[in-house]
Amino acid sequence: IAQQKARAEKNLQHAFEPAITRDGYQVEIAANIASLQDAQEAVNVGAEAIGLLRSEFIFMDRHKAPSEDEQTGIYRSIAEVIGPDKPMLVRTLDVGGDKPLPYLTMATEENPFLGERGIRFGFDQPELQRTQLRAILRASTAGKLRIMFPMIGRIEELRMAKAMLEEERQRLQVPPIEIG
């Protein structure tokens, strides 16, 4: 335990230095997070980016879906914590399988980890998906937000997701964001 504590303290002393391999390659240190608190902790230990914001955790343990304004505030707050020049990849809602939402009816499936989840769930719940896309787009003015569509299985799904994102972007008249 003492050795682990000493190693952790030594690592923290170097947490804000660039991560460079022995052969000179610089590696971006990105954190996968589920909340504003996770983002604050990641920044405190030297994270240079948010590699993945698991947005489904914003939707879980509640009686109804978060509103567009609430989601916008959460995404914006996280972007502000990490800073305007650091990238933040937001994964759109990925529920189903081990992550059901109590306020939405989800069909029982033989293999829920491969079936109606991720982007396919978003297409079945288009207003929920569009609300989240608008929230992400609105928050994108606070930083370098990127978006990821989970569980894409066919090129048509990616095209449909991108089209939905573009419709909402034009509706809000905000700059495009990168799809990661």
C-alpha atoms as a PDB file:
ATOM      1  CA  ILE A   1       0.000   0.000   0.000  1.00  0.00           C
ATOM      2  CA  ALA A   2       2.832   2.370   0.837  1.00  0.00           C
ATOM      3  CA  GLN A   3       4.521   1.683  -2.513  1.00  0.00           C
ATOM      4  CA  GLN A   4       1.281   2.331  -4.396  1.00  0.00           C
ATOM      5  CA  LYS A   5       0.749   5.584  -2.503  1.00  0.00           C
ATOM      6  CA  ALA A   6       4.312   6.708  -3.230  1.00  0.00           C
ATOM      7  CA  ARG A   7       3.912   5.845  -6.935  1.00  0.00           C
ATOM      8  CA  ALA A   8       0.607   7.758  -7.117  1.00  0.00           C
ATOM      9  CA  GLU A   9       2.188  10.834  -5.501  1.00  0.00           C
ATOM     10  CA  LYS A  10       5.143  10.686  -7.897  1.00  0.00           C
ATOM     11  CA  ASN A  11       2.782  10.334 -10.866  1.00  0.00           C
ATOM     12  CA  LEU A  12       0.761  13.371  -9.734  1.00  0.00           C
ATOM     13  CA  GLN A  13       3.956  15.451  -9.711  1.00  0.00           C
ATOM     14  CA  HIS A  14       4.230  14.781 -13.468  1.00  0.00           C
ATOM     15  CA  ALA A  15       0.503  14.812 -14.316  1.00  0.00           C
ATOM     16  CA  PHE A  16       0.582  18.113 -16.173  1.00  0.00           C
ATOM     17  CA  GLU A  17       3.649  17.357 -18.277  1.00  0.00           C
ATOM     18  CA  PRO A  18       3.225  16.149 -21.868  1.00  0.00           C
ATOM     19  CA  ALA A  19       3.020  12.366 -22.193  1.00  0.00           C
ATOM     20  CA  ILE A  20       5.849  11.537 -24.562  1.00  0.00           C
ATOM     21  CA  THR A  21       6.922   8.016 -25.442  1.00  0.00           C
ATOM     22  CA  ARG A  22      10.586   7.022 -25.407  1.00  0.00           C
ATOM     23  CA  ASP A  23      10.677   7.335 -29.187  1.00  0.00           C
ATOM     24  CA  GLY A  24       9.385  10.935 -29.045  1.00  0.00           C
ATOM     25  CA  TYR A  25       5.697  10.447 -29.858  1.00  0.00           C
ATOM     26  CA  GLN A  26       3.332  12.670 -27.831  1.00  0.00           C
ATOM     27  CA  VAL A  27       0.197  10.891 -26.586  1.00  0.00           C
ATOM     28  CA  GLU A  28      -3.002  12.737 -25.723  1.00  0.00           C
ATOM     29  CA  ILE A  29      -4.270  11.875 -22.265  1.00  0.00           C
ATOM     30  CA  ALA A  30      -8.066  11.738 -22.423  1.00  0.00           C
ATOM     31  CA  ALA A  31     -10.552  10.693 -19.765  1.00  0.00           C
ATOM     32  CA  ASN A  32     -13.750   8.721 -20.189  1.00  0.00           C
ATOM     33  CA  ILE A  33     -16.374  10.277 -17.929  1.00  0.00           C
ATOM     34  CA  ALA A  34     -20.028  10.145 -16.961  1.00  0.00           C
ATOM     35  CA  SER A  35     -20.503  13.407 -15.027  1.00  0.00           C
ATOM     36  CA  LEU A  36     -19.318  16.913 -14.259  1.00  0.00           C
ATOM     37  CA  GLN A  37     -17.597  15.574 -11.133  1.00  0.00           C
ATOM     38  CA  ASP A  38     -15.689  13.049 -13.265  1.00  0.00           C
ATOM     39  CA  ALA A  39     -14.585  15.910 -15.548  1.00  0.00           C
ATOM     40  CA  GLN A  40     -13.349  17.971 -12.611  1.00  0.00           C
ATOM     41  CA  GLU A  41     -11.401  14.987 -11.246  1.00  0.00           C
ATOM     42  CA  ALA A  42      -9.902  14.302 -14.684  1.00  0.00           C
ATOM     43  CA  VAL A  43      -8.743  17.900 -15.107  1.00  0.00           C
ATOM     44  CA  ASN A  44      -7.241  17.827 -11.605  1.00  0.00           C
ATOM     45  CA  VAL A  45      -4.992  14.930 -12.604  1.00  0.00           C
ATOM     46  CA  GLY A  46      -3.912  16.304 -15.977  1.00  0.00           C
ATOM     47  CA  ALA A  47      -6.461  15.126 -18.555  1.00  0.00           C
ATOM     48  CA  GLU A  48      -5.972  16.898 -21.863  1.00  0.00           C
ATOM     49  CA  ALA A  49      -9.349  15.935 -23.323  1.00  0.00           C
ATOM     50  CA  ILE A  50     -12.579  14.100 -22.690  1.00  0.00           C
ATOM     51  CA  GLY A  51     -12.220  10.973 -24.790  1.00  0.00           C
ATOM     52  CA  LEU A  52     -15.804   9.936 -24.138  1.00  0.00           C
ATOM     53  CA  LEU A  53     -18.697  11.452 -22.236  1.00  0.00           C
ATOM     54  CA  ARG A  54     -21.112   8.580 -21.626  1.00  0.00           C
ATOM     55  CA  SER A  55     -24.273  10.653 -21.862  1.00  0.00           C
ATOM     56  CA  GLU A  56     -26.591   7.778 -20.901  1.00  0.00           C
ATOM     57  CA  PHE A  57     -25.694   8.364 -17.252  1.00  0.00           C
ATOM     58  CA  ILE A  58     -27.403  11.758 -17.485  1.00  0.00           C
ATOM     59  CA  PHE A  59     -30.601   9.899 -18.401  1.00  0.00           C
ATOM     60  CA  MET A  60     -30.407   7.176 -15.764  1.00  0.00           C
ATOM     61  CA  ASP A  61     -31.672   7.088 -12.157  1.00  0.00           C
ATOM     62  CA  ARG A  62     -34.482   9.539 -12.861  1.00  0.00           C
ATOM     63  CA  HIS A  63     -38.230   9.478 -13.407  1.00  0.00           C
ATOM     64  CA  LYS A  64     -38.170  11.333 -16.743  1.00  0.00           C
ATOM     65  CA  ALA A  65     -35.698  12.305 -19.424  1.00  0.00           C
ATOM     66  CA  PRO A  66     -33.649  15.459 -18.842  1.00  0.00           C
ATOM     67  CA  SER A  67     -34.895  18.478 -20.747  1.00  0.00           C
ATOM     68  CA  GLU A  68     -32.979  20.089 -23.579  1.00  0.00           C
ATOM     69  CA  ASP A  69     -32.024  23.008 -21.333  1.00  0.00           C
ATOM     70  CA  GLU A  70     -30.830  20.675 -18.569  1.00  0.00           C
ATOM     71  CA  GLN A  71     -28.728  18.636 -20.986  1.00  0.00           C
ATOM     72  CA  THR A  72     -27.296  21.789 -22.553  1.00  0.00           C
ATOM     73  CA  GLY A  73     -26.287  23.021 -19.107  1.00  0.00           C
ATOM     74  CA  ILE A  74     -24.582  19.737 -18.235  1.00  0.00           C
ATOM     75  CA  TYR A  75     -22.657  19.503 -21.520  1.00  0.00           C
ATOM     76  CA  ARG A  76     -21.715  23.199 -21.347  1.00  0.00           C
ATOM     77  CA  SER A  77     -20.537  22.909 -17.724  1.00  0.00           C
ATOM     78  CA  ILE A  78     -18.286  19.979 -18.604  1.00  0.00           C
ATOM     79  CA  ALA A  79     -16.889  21.830 -21.633  1.00  0.00           C
ATOM     80  CA  GLU A  80     -16.163  24.844 -19.421  1.00  0.00           C
ATOM     81  CA  VAL A  81     -14.370  22.676 -16.838  1.00  0.00           C
ATOM     82  CA  ILE A  82     -12.043  21.135 -19.404  1.00  0.00           C
ATOM     83  CA  GLY A  83     -11.494  24.426 -21.229  1.00  0.00           C
ATOM     84  CA  PRO A  84     -12.431  25.836 -24.620  1.00  0.00           C
ATOM     85  CA  ASP A  85      -9.431  24.391 -26.474  1.00  0.00           C
ATOM     86  CA  LYS A  86      -9.645  20.810 -25.205  1.00  0.00           C
ATOM     87  CA  PRO A  87     -11.736  18.330 -27.195  1.00  0.00           C
ATOM     88  CA  MET A  88     -14.739  16.604 -25.685  1.00  0.00           C
ATOM     89  CA  LEU A  89     -16.404  13.655 -27.405  1.00  0.00           C
ATOM     90  CA  VAL A  90     -20.061  13.192 -26.449  1.00  0.00           C
ATOM     91  CA  ARG A  91     -21.568   9.795 -27.165  1.00  0.00           C
ATOM     92  CA  THR A  92     -25.287  10.080 -27.824  1.00  0.00           C
ATOM     93  CA  LEU A  93     -27.666   8.051 -25.714  1.00  0.00           C
ATOM     94  CA  ASP A  94     -26.704   4.377 -25.587  1.00  0.00           C
ATOM     95  CA  VAL A  95     -29.271   2.505 -23.526  1.00  0.00           C
ATOM     96  CA  GLY A  96     -30.627  -0.991 -23.629  1.00  0.00           C
ATOM     97  CA  GLY A  97     -28.895  -4.183 -22.595  1.00  0.00           C
ATOM     98  CA  ASP A  98     -27.580  -3.472 -19.114  1.00  0.00           C
ATOM     99  CA  LYS A  99     -28.792   0.155 -19.133  1.00  0.00           C
ATOM    100  CA  PRO A 100     -32.602   0.349 -19.240  1.00  0.00           C
ATOM    101  CA  LEU A 101     -34.459   3.622 -18.640  1.00  0.00           C
ATOM    102  CA  PRO A 102     -37.416   3.227 -16.266  1.00  0.00           C
ATOM    103  CA  TYR A 103     -39.459   5.959 -17.983  1.00  0.00           C
ATOM    104  CA  LEU A 104     -39.256   4.448 -21.488  1.00  0.00           C
ATOM    105  CA  THR A 105     -40.726   1.201 -22.714  1.00  0.00           C
ATOM    106  CA  MET A 106     -38.059  -1.062 -24.106  1.00  0.00           C
ATOM    107  CA  ALA A 107     -38.936  -4.314 -25.800  1.00  0.00           C
ATOM    108  CA  THR A 108     -37.594  -7.534 -24.342  1.00  0.00           C
ATOM    109  CA  GLU A 109     -34.986  -8.965 -26.693  1.00  0.00           C
ATOM    110  CA  GLU A 110     -33.185 -12.270 -26.955  1.00  0.00           C
ATOM    111  CA  ASN A 111     -29.823 -10.453 -27.046  1.00  0.00           C
ATOM    112  CA  PRO A 112     -30.387  -6.868 -25.819  1.00  0.00           C
ATOM    113  CA  PHE A 113     -26.704  -6.019 -26.155  1.00  0.00           C
ATOM    114  CA  LEU A 114     -26.890  -6.226 -29.946  1.00  0.00           C
ATOM    115  CA  GLY A 115     -30.480  -5.282 -30.755  1.00  0.00           C
ATOM    116  CA  GLU A 116     -32.462  -2.132 -30.118  1.00  0.00           C
ATOM    117  CA  ARG A 117     -29.874   0.153 -28.560  1.00  0.00           C
ATOM    118  CA  GLY A 118     -27.601   3.052 -29.378  1.00  0.00           C
ATOM    119  CA  ILE A 119     -28.499   4.842 -32.596  1.00  0.00           C
ATOM    120  CA  ARG A 120     -31.319   2.395 -33.415  1.00  0.00           C
ATOM    121  CA  PHE A 121     -32.986   3.268 -30.112  1.00  0.00           C
ATOM    122  CA  GLY A 122     -32.538   6.942 -31.041  1.00  0.00           C
ATOM    123  CA  PHE A 123     -34.319   6.416 -34.344  1.00  0.00           C
ATOM    124  CA  ASP A 124     -37.198   4.724 -32.510  1.00  0.00           C
ATOM    125  CA  GLN A 125     -37.345   7.670 -30.089  1.00  0.00           C
ATOM    126  CA  PRO A 126     -36.667  10.520 -32.545  1.00  0.00           C
ATOM    127  CA  GLU A 127     -37.773  13.365 -30.293  1.00  0.00           C
ATOM    128  CA  LEU A 128     -35.507  12.135 -27.507  1.00  0.00           C
ATOM    129  CA  GLN A 129     -32.631  11.877 -30.012  1.00  0.00           C
ATOM    130  CA  ARG A 130     -33.323  15.282 -31.548  1.00  0.00           C
ATOM    131  CA  THR A 131     -33.554  16.902 -28.118  1.00  0.00           C
ATOM    132  CA  GLN A 132     -30.145  15.509 -27.207  1.00  0.00           C
ATOM    133  CA  LEU A 133     -28.626  16.590 -30.526  1.00  0.00           C
ATOM    134  CA  ARG A 134     -29.918  20.149 -30.023  1.00  0.00           C
ATOM    135  CA  ALA A 135     -28.502  20.208 -26.489  1.00  0.00           C
ATOM    136  CA  ILE A 136     -25.077  19.068 -27.707  1.00  0.00           C
ATOM    137  CA  LEU A 137     -25.117  21.602 -30.540  1.00  0.00           C
ATOM    138  CA  ARG A 138     -26.127  24.428 -28.198  1.00  0.00           C
ATOM    139  CA  ALA A 139     -23.365  23.491 -25.741  1.00  0.00           C
ATOM    140  CA  SER A 140     -20.794  23.302 -28.545  1.00  0.00           C
ATOM    141  CA  THR A 141     -20.346  27.073 -28.385  1.00  0.00           C
ATOM    142  CA  ALA A 142     -18.527  26.564 -25.042  1.00  0.00           C
ATOM    143  CA  GLY A 143     -15.788  24.301 -26.347  1.00  0.00           C
ATOM    144  CA  LYS A 144     -14.521  21.787 -28.887  1.00  0.00           C
ATOM    145  CA  LEU A 145     -17.397  19.332 -28.695  1.00  0.00           C
ATOM    146  CA  ARG A 146     -17.493  16.322 -30.973  1.00  0.00           C
ATOM    147  CA  ILE A 147     -20.262  13.787 -31.304  1.00  0.00           C
ATOM    148  CA  MET A 148     -20.261   9.998 -31.520  1.00  0.00           C
ATOM    149  CA  PHE A 149     -23.201   7.871 -32.568  1.00  0.00           C
ATOM    150  CA  PRO A 150     -23.111   4.507 -30.766  1.00  0.00           C
ATOM    151  CA  MET A 151     -23.781   1.063 -32.183  1.00  0.00           C
ATOM    152  CA  ILE A 152     -23.753   1.994 -35.873  1.00  0.00           C
ATOM    153  CA  GLY A 153     -24.305  -1.237 -37.752  1.00  0.00           C
ATOM    154  CA  ARG A 154     -24.819  -0.055 -41.336  1.00  0.00           C
ATOM    155  CA  ILE A 155     -23.725   2.927 -43.408  1.00  0.00           C
ATOM    156  CA  GLU A 156     -27.401   3.919 -43.761  1.00  0.00           C
ATOM    157  CA  GLU A 157     -27.609   4.397 -39.984  1.00  0.00           C
ATOM    158  CA  LEU A 158     -24.641   6.754 -40.034  1.00  0.00           C
ATOM    159  CA  ARG A 159     -26.125   8.713 -42.927  1.00  0.00           C
ATOM    160  CA  MET A 160     -29.484   8.973 -41.142  1.00  0.00           C
ATOM    161  CA  ALA A 161     -27.815  10.104 -37.896  1.00  0.00           C
ATOM    162  CA  LYS A 162     -25.723  12.710 -39.708  1.00  0.00           C
ATOM    163  CA  ALA A 163     -28.811  13.984 -41.551  1.00  0.00           C
ATOM    164  CA  MET A 164     -30.731  14.308 -38.275  1.00  0.00           C
ATOM    165  CA  LEU A 165     -27.793  16.184 -36.721  1.00  0.00           C
ATOM    166  CA  GLU A 166     -27.576  18.512 -39.726  1.00  0.00           C
ATOM    167  CA  GLU A 167     -31.327  19.252 -39.613  1.00  0.00           C
ATOM    168  CA  GLU A 168     -31.050  20.263 -35.968  1.00  0.00           C
ATOM    169  CA  ARG A 169     -27.864  22.265 -36.600  1.00  0.00           C
ATOM    170  CA  GLN A 170     -29.551  24.243 -39.368  1.00  0.00           C
ATOM    171  CA  ARG A 171     -32.602  24.766 -37.180  1.00  0.00           C
ATOM    172  CA  LEU A 172     -30.388  26.264 -34.449  1.00  0.00           C
ATOM    173  CA  GLN A 173     -28.070  28.018 -36.918  1.00  0.00           C
ATOM    174  CA  VAL A 174     -24.879  26.997 -35.117  1.00  0.00           C
ATOM    175  CA  PRO A 175     -21.536  25.979 -36.629  1.00  0.00           C
ATOM    176  CA  PRO A 176     -21.013  22.310 -37.537  1.00  0.00           C
ATOM    177  CA  ILE A 177     -19.388  19.988 -35.027  1.00  0.00           C
ATOM    178  CA  GLU A 178     -17.051  17.117 -35.759  1.00  0.00           C
ATOM    179  CA  ILE A 179     -18.334  13.554 -35.775  1.00  0.00           C
ATOM    180  CA  GLY A 180     -15.833  11.300 -34.054  1.00  0.00           C
END
